[in-house]
Amino acid sequence: MTRQIAVFLFLLTILSASGQKKWTLEDCIRYAVQNNLNIKQTRIDVEEAEQNYRQAKWNMLPSLGASSSAGYSFGRTVVEGDLVSESYFYNDYNLSASMDLFNAFSLQNQISYNKFRKEAASNSNIDAIDNLAFKIMNSYYDVIYFEELLKISRKQKELSEIIENKTMVLVKTGLKATADLLEVKADLEKDELVCVQTENKLKSAWIELRKDLNLNPDSTIALFKDAYTIIENENIDIKSLYVSHSSWSPQIKSYENAREASRKNLSIQRAAYYPSLRTGASYGTYFYPVPGNRDFSYQLKANQNQYVGISLSVPVFRKEANNTQVKLAKLNYESAKIKLDQAKQDLLYEMMTNYNDLKASMSEYTQARKQYEADTLAFSAAEKKYDQGMINVVDFYTAKNRMASTEGQVLRSELTVEIKKRIIEFYRGNRFWEK
C-alpha cells in the first residue's frame, strides 16, 4: 500500500509539472507591464498630469460664489445713549462673480504648459514600459543562459564521472598510474564546483526576474524559449534608422515635451511684468432688526445691494521676485534643451553600439559554431587515445574543458544575437511584446 501511494504521488507531481504553463518572453513582458510597481506609479503620474491639464482649461471660466451667514446676539448694548438689554437675530446673503479680462495670456500659457506636461508624462510612461520590456528581456535571457549553462556543466560532470570509472579500471589493469586517478578525481571536483557556481548564478537570475515581474519570491514558473532562427546579419544604415526611430521615440518625445513645457513656463513668468485687469459683480442683502420694523421679507428687499466693477493691478516693486522667477525659468528652459540634445546623442550612440554588438555577436556565433565542431572532434580523438593510454590525463582534460568552454561561448553568442536583433527590430517600430 505504501509503495502504491508513493507511485501515485510521483505521477501526480509529474502531471502537475507537465501541466504548468510555460512563460514565453512576451508573456513575461506583458505580465510585468500590468503588475510592475514602477509602471503603476508612472500611470498615476499620467493621471495627475491629465487632471492638471483639465483644471488649467477650467481656469479660463468665470468664478461664481455664494455665501450666507446667520447669528443671534444677546446681552447689553447702547441704544441712543441708554444701556439696554436686547437680543436679536441677524442674517445675510451674498452672490458674487469675477473673471480675468487680461493677464498677459498667463492662463492660455498655463493651459499649454499643462498640455505639454501631460504629453511628457504619457511619453514617459511609454518609455518606462519600453525600458521595463528590455530589462525583463535581459533577465529572461539570463535565466535561459544559466539554465542551459547548467545543463552543459552537469553534462561535463557526468562525463568526468564516466572517466573516473574508466580510469579506476585502467589503474587496476596497470594501464594507468594512481596519479592519473587522482588527477581525474580533482577534475571531477572542479566540475562539481562549476555546477554549484552556475546553480547560484541561476538562482540570482531568477530572483531578479521575479522582482521585475512583481511575483512572490517563492513563486515557481517555467520559461519557454521560442525557436529563433539565426540568419546572416543585414547591412543597416544606422543613421537613417536613427532619424526614423527618433521621430516617434517616446523617450525623445518626452524630452521634447519637457522643453516645450519649460518654454511656456517662461512665458507664464514673464506675464508677471504686465498689468492685469479683472472684473467682478456681486449681489447681497441682509436682515437686521430695527426699531419699528422687524419684518424679515421686507428687510431682505429693502437692504439689497449690487456691485459691478473693474480692478487694475500694476506691478511696481516685488523685491526682485519677478526677475528671479524669469531668470530661473530661462535656466530651466536652457537645461531642458541640453537634456534633449543629450538624449538624442545618447540614443544615436546606443543604437550604434547595439548594431555593432549585433555584428560582433553574429561573427562570434559563426566562428564559435565552427570551433565547437572542431573541439568535439578533437575530444572524441583524445578520448580514444586516453582509453588506449596514448595521452596523459592532463592532455585529455585540456580537450574536454576546451569543448565545454566553446559550447558555452556558442550559447552566449547565440542569445546575444537574439537580444540584439530584437532591439534592432524595436528601433524599426516592432514592439514585439504587443503582438
Protein backbone atom coordinates (compact mmCIF):
# COMPACT_ATOMS: atom_id res chain seq x y z
CA MET A 1 0.00 0.00 0.00
CA THR A 2 2.84 2.44 0.91
CA ARG A 3 4.55 1.73 -2.41
CA GLN A 4 1.31 2.38 -4.33
CA ILE A 5 0.83 5.72 -2.58
CA ALA A 6 4.40 6.73 -3.39
CA VAL A 7 3.90 5.87 -7.07
CA PHE A 8 0.63 7.84 -7.12
CA LEU A 9 2.26 10.94 -5.60
CA PHE A 10 5.13 10.68 -8.07
CA LEU A 11 2.75 10.52 -11.03
CA LEU A 12 0.76 13.45 -9.62
CA THR A 13 3.94 15.52 -9.39
CA ILE A 14 4.85 14.68 -12.97
CA LEU A 15 1.39 15.61 -14.24
CA SER A 16 1.43 18.88 -12.32
CA ALA A 17 4.81 19.80 -13.73
CA SER A 18 3.82 18.91 -17.27
CA GLY A 19 0.58 20.90 -16.95
CA GLN A 20 2.32 24.02 -15.69
CA LYS A 21 2.06 26.93 -18.08
CA LYS A 22 5.40 27.93 -19.55
CA TRP A 23 6.04 31.64 -19.95
CA THR A 24 7.45 32.99 -23.17
CA LEU A 25 9.39 36.24 -23.27
CA GLU A 26 6.26 38.04 -24.47
CA ASP A 27 4.24 36.56 -21.60
CA CYS A 28 6.77 37.81 -19.08
CA ILE A 29 6.80 41.33 -20.52
CA ARG A 30 3.01 41.59 -20.74
CA TYR A 31 2.64 40.41 -17.13
CA ALA A 32 5.28 42.87 -15.94
CA VAL A 33 3.61 45.79 -17.74
CA GLN A 34 0.40 45.05 -15.84
CA ASN A 35 1.97 44.39 -12.43
CA ASN A 36 5.31 46.18 -12.15
CA LEU A 37 5.23 48.78 -9.36
CA ASN A 38 7.21 51.42 -11.27
CA ILE A 39 4.77 51.22 -14.19
CA LYS A 40 1.84 51.61 -11.81
CA GLN A 41 3.47 54.78 -10.49
CA THR A 42 4.01 56.24 -13.97
CA ARG A 43 0.31 55.61 -14.75
CA ILE A 44 -0.57 57.66 -11.67
CA ASP A 45 1.76 60.42 -12.91
CA VAL A 46 -0.10 60.44 -16.23
CA GLU A 47 -3.45 60.76 -14.47
CA GLU A 48 -2.18 63.60 -12.28
CA ALA A 49 -0.92 65.47 -15.36
CA GLU A 50 -4.29 64.92 -17.04
CA GLN A 51 -6.11 66.42 -14.06
CA ASN A 52 -3.80 69.46 -14.02
CA TYR A 53 -4.43 70.00 -17.72
CA ARG A 54 -8.21 69.82 -17.27
CA GLN A 55 -8.06 72.25 -14.37
CA ALA A 56 -5.99 74.71 -16.39
CA LYS A 57 -8.76 74.80 -19.00
CA TRP A 58 -11.44 75.25 -16.33
CA ASN A 59 -9.49 78.26 -15.01
CA MET A 60 -10.49 80.21 -18.13
CA LEU A 61 -14.11 80.32 -16.96
CA PRO A 62 -15.53 82.95 -14.57
CA SER A 63 -15.68 82.10 -10.89
CA LEU A 64 -19.03 82.19 -9.11
CA GLY A 65 -19.65 82.02 -5.38
CA ALA A 66 -22.49 82.29 -2.89
CA SER A 67 -22.41 82.80 0.86
CA SER A 68 -24.76 83.26 3.76
CA SER A 69 -24.35 83.81 7.48
CA ALA A 70 -26.71 83.88 10.42
CA GLY A 71 -26.30 84.73 14.08
CA TYR A 72 -28.12 85.51 17.29
CA SER A 73 -26.94 88.31 19.53
CA PHE A 74 -27.94 88.81 23.13
CA GLY A 75 -26.72 90.87 26.07
CA ARG A 76 -26.37 94.53 26.86
CA THR A 77 -25.85 97.20 24.22
CA VAL A 78 -26.09 101.02 23.94
CA VAL A 79 -29.19 102.35 22.20
CA GLU A 80 -29.48 106.16 21.90
CA GLY A 81 -27.25 106.69 24.91
CA ASP A 82 -29.08 104.23 27.11
CA LEU A 83 -27.70 100.89 28.23
CA VAL A 84 -30.33 98.29 27.50
CA SER A 85 -30.56 94.52 27.36
CA GLU A 86 -31.64 93.28 23.92
CA SER A 87 -31.41 90.12 21.86
CA TYR A 88 -31.84 89.89 18.10
CA PHE A 89 -31.34 87.66 15.05
CA TYR A 90 -29.01 88.64 12.15
CA ASN A 91 -28.86 87.10 8.64
CA ASP A 92 -27.21 87.99 5.29
CA TYR A 93 -26.93 86.56 1.75
CA ASN A 94 -24.34 87.28 -0.95
CA LEU A 95 -23.75 86.18 -4.56
CA SER A 96 -20.55 87.18 -6.41
CA ALA A 97 -18.82 86.52 -9.73
CA SER A 98 -15.42 87.51 -11.14
CA MET A 99 -13.38 86.93 -14.27
CA ASP A 100 -9.94 87.83 -15.59
CA LEU A 101 -10.08 90.18 -18.57
CA PHE A 102 -6.35 90.43 -19.22
CA ASN A 103 -3.35 88.78 -17.57
CA ALA A 104 -0.79 88.82 -20.39
CA PHE A 105 -2.09 85.45 -21.66
CA SER A 106 -0.92 83.75 -18.47
CA LEU A 107 -3.93 81.41 -18.36
CA GLN A 108 -3.55 80.44 -22.02
CA ASN A 109 0.13 79.68 -21.48
CA GLN A 110 -0.77 77.73 -18.35
CA ILE A 111 -3.05 75.53 -20.46
CA SER A 112 -0.28 74.91 -22.99
CA TYR A 113 2.21 74.25 -20.19
CA ASN A 114 -0.01 71.60 -18.60
CA LYS A 115 -0.77 70.10 -22.01
CA PHE A 116 2.94 69.56 -22.67
CA ARG A 117 3.39 68.21 -19.15
CA LYS A 118 0.57 65.74 -19.79
CA GLU A 119 2.12 64.62 -23.07
CA ALA A 120 5.53 64.34 -21.38
CA ALA A 121 4.05 62.14 -18.65
CA SER A 122 2.31 59.96 -21.24
CA ASN A 123 5.50 59.50 -23.26
CA SER A 124 7.48 58.88 -20.06
CA ASN A 125 5.03 56.13 -19.21
CA ILE A 126 5.51 54.51 -22.63
CA ASP A 127 9.28 54.90 -22.30
CA ALA A 128 9.16 53.29 -18.86
CA ILE A 129 7.26 50.35 -20.38
CA ASP A 130 9.89 50.04 -23.12
CA ASN A 131 12.72 50.13 -20.57
CA LEU A 132 10.94 47.54 -18.45
CA ALA A 133 10.45 45.33 -21.52
CA PHE A 134 14.18 45.29 -22.24
CA LYS A 135 15.01 44.82 -18.57
CA ILE A 136 12.68 41.81 -18.49
CA MET A 137 14.24 40.58 -21.72
CA ASN A 138 17.74 40.71 -20.23
CA SER A 139 16.59 38.98 -17.04
CA TYR A 140 14.69 36.37 -19.07
CA TYR A 141 17.73 35.56 -21.21
CA ASP A 142 19.94 35.48 -18.11
CA VAL A 143 17.74 32.71 -16.71
CA ILE A 144 17.72 30.89 -20.06
CA TYR A 145 21.51 31.24 -20.32
CA PHE A 146 22.27 29.87 -16.86
CA GLU A 147 19.72 27.07 -17.23
CA GLU A 148 21.40 25.93 -20.45
CA LEU A 149 24.86 26.51 -18.99
CA LEU A 150 23.92 24.36 -16.00
CA LYS A 151 22.94 21.57 -18.41
CA ILE A 152 26.36 21.85 -20.05
CA SER A 153 28.09 21.82 -16.66
CA ARG A 154 26.16 18.79 -15.49
CA LYS A 155 26.93 17.01 -18.74
CA GLN A 156 30.63 17.68 -18.17
CA LYS A 157 30.32 16.42 -14.61
CA GLU A 158 28.63 13.22 -15.79
CA LEU A 159 31.40 12.79 -18.35
CA SER A 160 34.02 13.19 -15.63
CA GLU A 161 32.26 10.51 -13.56
CA ILE A 162 32.40 8.13 -16.53
CA ILE A 163 36.09 8.95 -17.00
CA GLU A 164 36.71 8.30 -13.29
CA ASN A 165 35.18 4.83 -13.59
CA LYS A 166 37.22 4.10 -16.72
CA THR A 167 40.42 5.33 -15.04
CA MET A 168 39.82 3.14 -11.99
CA VAL A 169 39.63 0.13 -14.30
CA LEU A 170 42.77 1.21 -16.16
CA VAL A 171 44.63 1.67 -12.87
CA LYS A 172 43.63 -1.83 -11.72
CA THR A 173 44.85 -3.30 -15.02
CA GLY A 174 48.10 -1.37 -14.80
CA LEU A 175 47.46 0.78 -17.88
CA LYS A 176 47.25 3.98 -15.81
CA ALA A 177 49.10 5.22 -12.78
CA THR A 178 47.41 6.12 -9.49
CA ALA A 179 48.44 9.73 -10.07
CA ASP A 180 46.17 9.81 -13.12
CA LEU A 181 43.24 8.70 -10.99
CA LEU A 182 43.94 11.48 -8.50
CA GLU A 183 44.02 13.98 -11.36
CA VAL A 184 40.68 12.69 -12.62
CA LYS A 185 39.14 12.98 -9.14
CA ALA A 186 40.43 16.56 -8.87
CA ASP A 187 38.85 17.47 -12.21
CA LEU A 188 35.58 15.85 -11.11
CA GLU A 189 35.54 18.07 -8.01
CA LYS A 190 36.24 21.06 -10.24
CA ASP A 191 33.24 20.17 -12.41
CA GLU A 192 31.13 19.88 -9.26
CA LEU A 193 32.25 23.36 -8.20
CA VAL A 194 31.31 24.76 -11.63
CA CYS A 195 27.84 23.22 -11.26
CA VAL A 196 27.39 24.79 -7.81
CA GLN A 197 28.54 28.21 -9.06
CA THR A 198 26.21 28.03 -12.07
CA GLU A 199 23.27 27.00 -9.86
CA ASN A 200 23.90 30.02 -7.64
CA LYS A 201 24.01 32.36 -10.62
CA LEU A 202 20.78 30.82 -11.90
CA LYS A 203 19.11 31.46 -8.53
CA SER A 204 20.23 35.10 -8.64
CA ALA A 205 18.87 35.47 -12.17
CA TRP A 206 15.51 34.05 -11.05
CA ILE A 207 15.37 36.49 -8.13
CA GLU A 208 15.93 39.43 -10.47
CA LEU A 209 13.27 38.21 -12.91
CA ARG A 210 10.68 37.65 -10.16
CA LYS A 211 11.38 41.11 -8.79
CA ASP A 212 10.81 42.79 -12.15
CA LEU A 213 7.64 40.74 -12.66
CA ASN A 214 6.43 41.66 -9.16
CA LEU A 215 5.97 37.99 -8.34
CA ASN A 216 6.10 36.39 -4.92
CA PRO A 217 9.73 35.38 -4.18
CA ASP A 218 8.55 31.81 -3.56
CA SER A 219 6.52 31.55 -6.77
CA THR A 220 7.53 28.95 -9.32
CA ILE A 221 7.22 29.50 -13.05
CA ALA A 222 8.77 27.78 -16.05
CA LEU A 223 10.16 29.61 -19.06
CA PHE A 224 9.69 28.62 -22.67
CA LYS A 225 12.10 29.87 -25.29
CA ASP A 226 10.66 30.15 -28.79
CA ALA A 227 12.74 28.81 -31.63
CA TYR A 228 14.68 31.74 -33.04
CA THR A 229 16.27 31.41 -36.45
CA ILE A 230 19.75 32.89 -36.64
CA ILE A 231 20.21 34.45 -40.06
CA GLU A 232 23.07 36.37 -41.55
CA ASN A 233 23.18 39.94 -40.43
CA GLU A 234 21.93 42.50 -42.92
CA ASN A 235 23.62 45.80 -43.53
CA ILE A 236 21.77 48.63 -41.79
CA ASP A 237 22.14 52.35 -42.33
CA ILE A 238 22.11 53.17 -38.63
CA LYS A 239 21.88 56.95 -39.14
CA SER A 240 18.78 56.60 -41.31
CA LEU A 241 17.32 54.22 -38.76
CA TYR A 242 18.11 56.77 -36.04
CA VAL A 243 16.25 59.51 -37.91
CA SER A 244 13.24 57.25 -38.31
CA HIS A 245 13.27 55.97 -34.72
CA SER A 246 13.83 59.36 -33.07
CA SER A 247 10.79 60.77 -34.89
CA TRP A 248 8.49 58.59 -32.74
CA SER A 249 10.68 57.52 -29.83
CA PRO A 250 8.70 58.11 -26.60
CA GLN A 251 11.95 58.90 -24.80
CA ILE A 252 12.81 61.71 -27.24
CA LYS A 253 9.18 62.88 -27.35
CA SER A 254 9.16 63.14 -23.57
CA TYR A 255 12.23 65.39 -23.61
CA GLU A 256 10.71 67.48 -26.39
CA ASN A 257 7.50 67.89 -24.38
CA ALA A 258 9.52 68.91 -21.32
CA ARG A 259 11.38 71.51 -23.39
CA GLU A 260 8.14 73.00 -24.73
CA ALA A 261 6.63 73.00 -21.24
CA SER A 262 9.60 74.93 -19.89
CA ARG A 263 9.27 77.42 -22.75
CA LYS A 264 5.63 78.01 -21.84
CA ASN A 265 6.62 78.36 -18.18
CA LEU A 266 8.98 81.16 -19.21
CA SER A 267 6.05 82.97 -20.85
CA ILE A 268 3.99 82.47 -17.68
CA GLN A 269 6.69 84.05 -15.52
CA ARG A 270 7.12 86.97 -17.92
CA ALA A 271 3.39 87.73 -17.64
CA ALA A 272 4.04 88.99 -14.11
CA TYR A 273 5.72 92.09 -15.62
CA TYR A 274 2.43 93.27 -17.15
CA PRO A 275 -0.69 94.80 -15.57
CA SER A 276 -3.70 92.56 -15.04
CA LEU A 277 -7.34 93.52 -15.45
CA ARG A 278 -10.17 91.81 -13.63
CA THR A 279 -13.92 92.40 -13.49
CA GLY A 280 -16.37 91.43 -10.81
CA ALA A 281 -20.01 91.73 -9.78
CA SER A 282 -21.91 90.95 -6.60
CA TYR A 283 -25.39 90.96 -5.15
CA GLY A 284 -26.26 90.90 -1.45
CA THR A 285 -28.93 91.55 1.13
CA TYR A 286 -29.32 91.18 4.86
CA PHE A 287 -31.78 91.18 7.75
CA TYR A 288 -31.17 93.24 10.85
CA PRO A 289 -33.94 94.11 13.32
CA VAL A 290 -34.51 97.84 13.65
CA PRO A 291 -37.00 99.52 15.96
CA GLY A 292 -40.40 99.63 14.37
CA ASN A 293 -39.60 97.25 11.53
CA ARG A 294 -38.76 93.64 12.18
CA ASP A 295 -40.42 92.18 9.06
CA PHE A 296 -37.96 89.64 7.54
CA SER A 297 -39.12 89.72 3.86
CA TYR A 298 -39.39 93.50 3.85
CA GLN A 299 -35.83 93.94 5.08
CA LEU A 300 -34.41 91.48 2.56
CA LYS A 301 -35.95 93.62 -0.22
CA ALA A 302 -35.07 96.95 1.34
CA ASN A 303 -31.44 96.03 2.12
CA GLN A 304 -30.46 94.78 -1.33
CA ASN A 305 -27.09 95.94 -2.70
CA GLN A 306 -25.41 95.38 -6.07
CA TYR A 307 -21.86 95.91 -7.28
CA VAL A 308 -20.19 95.87 -10.70
CA GLY A 309 -16.60 96.94 -11.13
CA ILE A 310 -13.22 96.52 -12.80
CA SER A 311 -9.91 96.32 -10.98
CA LEU A 312 -6.49 97.04 -12.43
CA SER A 313 -3.34 95.69 -10.83
CA VAL A 314 0.01 97.15 -11.86
CA PRO A 315 3.26 95.51 -10.63
CA VAL A 316 5.65 98.15 -9.29
CA PHE A 317 8.10 96.53 -6.93
CA ARG A 318 8.08 92.94 -5.70
CA LYS A 319 11.51 92.68 -4.17
CA GLU A 320 13.06 91.39 -7.41
CA ALA A 321 10.79 88.30 -7.28
CA ASN A 322 9.62 88.67 -10.90
CA ASN A 323 13.15 88.98 -12.26
CA THR A 324 14.31 86.00 -10.24
CA GLN A 325 11.44 83.79 -11.42
CA VAL A 326 12.04 84.75 -15.06
CA LYS A 327 15.78 84.03 -14.77
CA LEU A 328 15.07 80.67 -13.18
CA ALA A 329 12.57 79.87 -15.95
CA LYS A 330 15.20 80.76 -18.57
CA LEU A 331 17.74 78.47 -16.91
CA ASN A 332 15.14 75.70 -16.77
CA TYR A 333 14.43 76.17 -20.48
CA GLU A 334 18.14 76.02 -21.38
CA SER A 335 18.52 72.94 -19.21
CA ALA A 336 15.59 71.25 -20.98
CA LYS A 337 17.18 71.94 -24.37
CA ILE A 338 20.51 70.48 -23.22
CA LYS A 339 18.78 67.38 -21.84
CA LEU A 340 17.02 66.90 -25.19
CA ASP A 341 20.28 67.20 -27.12
CA GLN A 342 21.97 64.81 -24.68
CA ALA A 343 19.13 62.29 -25.05
CA LYS A 344 19.41 62.42 -28.85
CA GLN A 345 23.17 61.92 -28.69
CA ASP A 346 22.84 59.04 -26.22
CA LEU A 347 20.20 57.40 -28.40
CA LEU A 348 22.39 57.62 -31.52
CA TYR A 349 25.38 56.05 -29.77
CA GLU A 350 23.17 53.46 -28.10
CA MET A 351 21.85 52.39 -31.50
CA MET A 352 25.35 52.31 -32.97
CA THR A 353 26.60 50.23 -30.02
CA ASN A 354 23.74 47.73 -30.28
CA TYR A 355 24.23 47.37 -34.03
CA ASN A 356 27.97 46.87 -33.57
CA ASP A 357 27.28 44.30 -30.82
CA LEU A 358 24.91 42.50 -33.19
CA LYS A 359 27.53 42.25 -35.92
CA ALA A 360 30.21 41.19 -33.43
CA SER A 361 27.95 38.56 -31.82
CA MET A 362 26.98 37.20 -35.22
CA SER A 363 30.66 36.80 -36.16
CA GLU A 364 31.42 35.22 -32.79
CA TYR A 365 28.49 32.83 -33.12
CA THR A 366 29.55 31.69 -36.59
CA GLN A 367 33.14 31.14 -35.50
CA ALA A 368 32.15 29.54 -32.18
CA ARG A 369 29.99 27.00 -34.03
CA LYS A 370 32.97 26.04 -36.21
CA GLN A 371 35.23 25.93 -33.17
CA TYR A 372 32.77 23.74 -31.27
CA GLU A 373 32.57 21.24 -34.12
CA ALA A 374 36.37 21.10 -34.24
CA ASP A 375 36.69 20.78 -30.44
CA THR A 376 34.08 18.00 -30.40
CA LEU A 377 36.08 16.00 -32.95
CA ALA A 378 39.29 16.71 -31.06
CA PHE A 379 37.74 15.50 -27.82
CA SER A 380 36.49 12.31 -29.43
CA ALA A 381 40.01 11.61 -30.69
CA ALA A 382 41.52 12.46 -27.32
CA GLU A 383 39.06 10.13 -25.55
CA LYS A 384 40.08 7.21 -27.75
CA LYS A 385 43.78 7.95 -27.22
CA TYR A 386 43.26 8.21 -23.46
CA ASP A 387 41.49 4.84 -23.36
CA GLN A 388 44.45 3.34 -25.23
CA GLY A 389 46.98 5.02 -22.92
CA MET A 390 48.43 7.17 -25.72
CA ILE A 391 47.96 10.54 -23.93
CA ASN A 392 48.04 11.56 -20.28
CA VAL A 393 45.11 12.77 -18.26
CA VAL A 394 46.18 16.43 -18.45
CA ASP A 395 46.03 16.48 -22.24
CA PHE A 396 42.70 14.65 -22.17
CA TYR A 397 41.10 17.14 -19.78
CA THR A 398 42.50 20.02 -21.80
CA ALA A 399 40.50 18.78 -24.80
CA LYS A 400 37.42 18.12 -22.63
CA ASN A 401 37.42 21.54 -20.97
CA ARG A 402 38.06 23.33 -24.26
CA MET A 403 34.99 21.66 -25.76
CA ALA A 404 32.84 22.70 -22.77
CA SER A 405 34.14 26.26 -22.89
CA THR A 406 33.41 26.56 -26.60
CA GLU A 407 29.89 25.17 -26.10
CA GLY A 408 29.29 27.92 -23.53
CA GLN A 409 30.57 30.52 -25.99
CA VAL A 410 28.17 29.25 -28.65
CA LEU A 411 25.27 29.57 -26.19
CA ARG A 412 26.25 33.07 -25.05
CA SER A 413 26.80 34.45 -28.56
CA GLU A 414 23.54 32.86 -29.80
CA LEU A 415 21.47 34.50 -27.05
CA THR A 416 23.26 37.81 -27.54
CA VAL A 417 22.36 37.75 -31.23
CA GLU A 418 18.70 37.17 -30.32
CA ILE A 419 18.71 40.08 -27.86
CA LYS A 420 20.38 42.49 -30.25
CA LYS A 421 18.14 41.52 -33.16
CA ARG A 422 15.05 42.19 -31.03
CA ILE A 423 16.47 45.59 -30.09
CA ILE A 424 17.08 46.49 -33.74
CA GLU A 425 13.53 45.41 -34.57
CA PHE A 426 12.27 47.66 -31.80
CA TYR A 427 14.13 50.58 -33.36
CA ARG A 428 12.15 49.82 -36.51
CA GLY A 429 8.89 50.17 -34.58
CA ASN A 430 8.27 46.50 -33.77
CA ARG A 431 7.08 46.32 -30.15
CA PHE A 432 7.16 42.52 -30.27
CA TRP A 433 5.52 42.01 -26.86
CA GLU A 434 2.33 43.74 -28.05
CA LYS A 435 1.57 41.20 -30.76
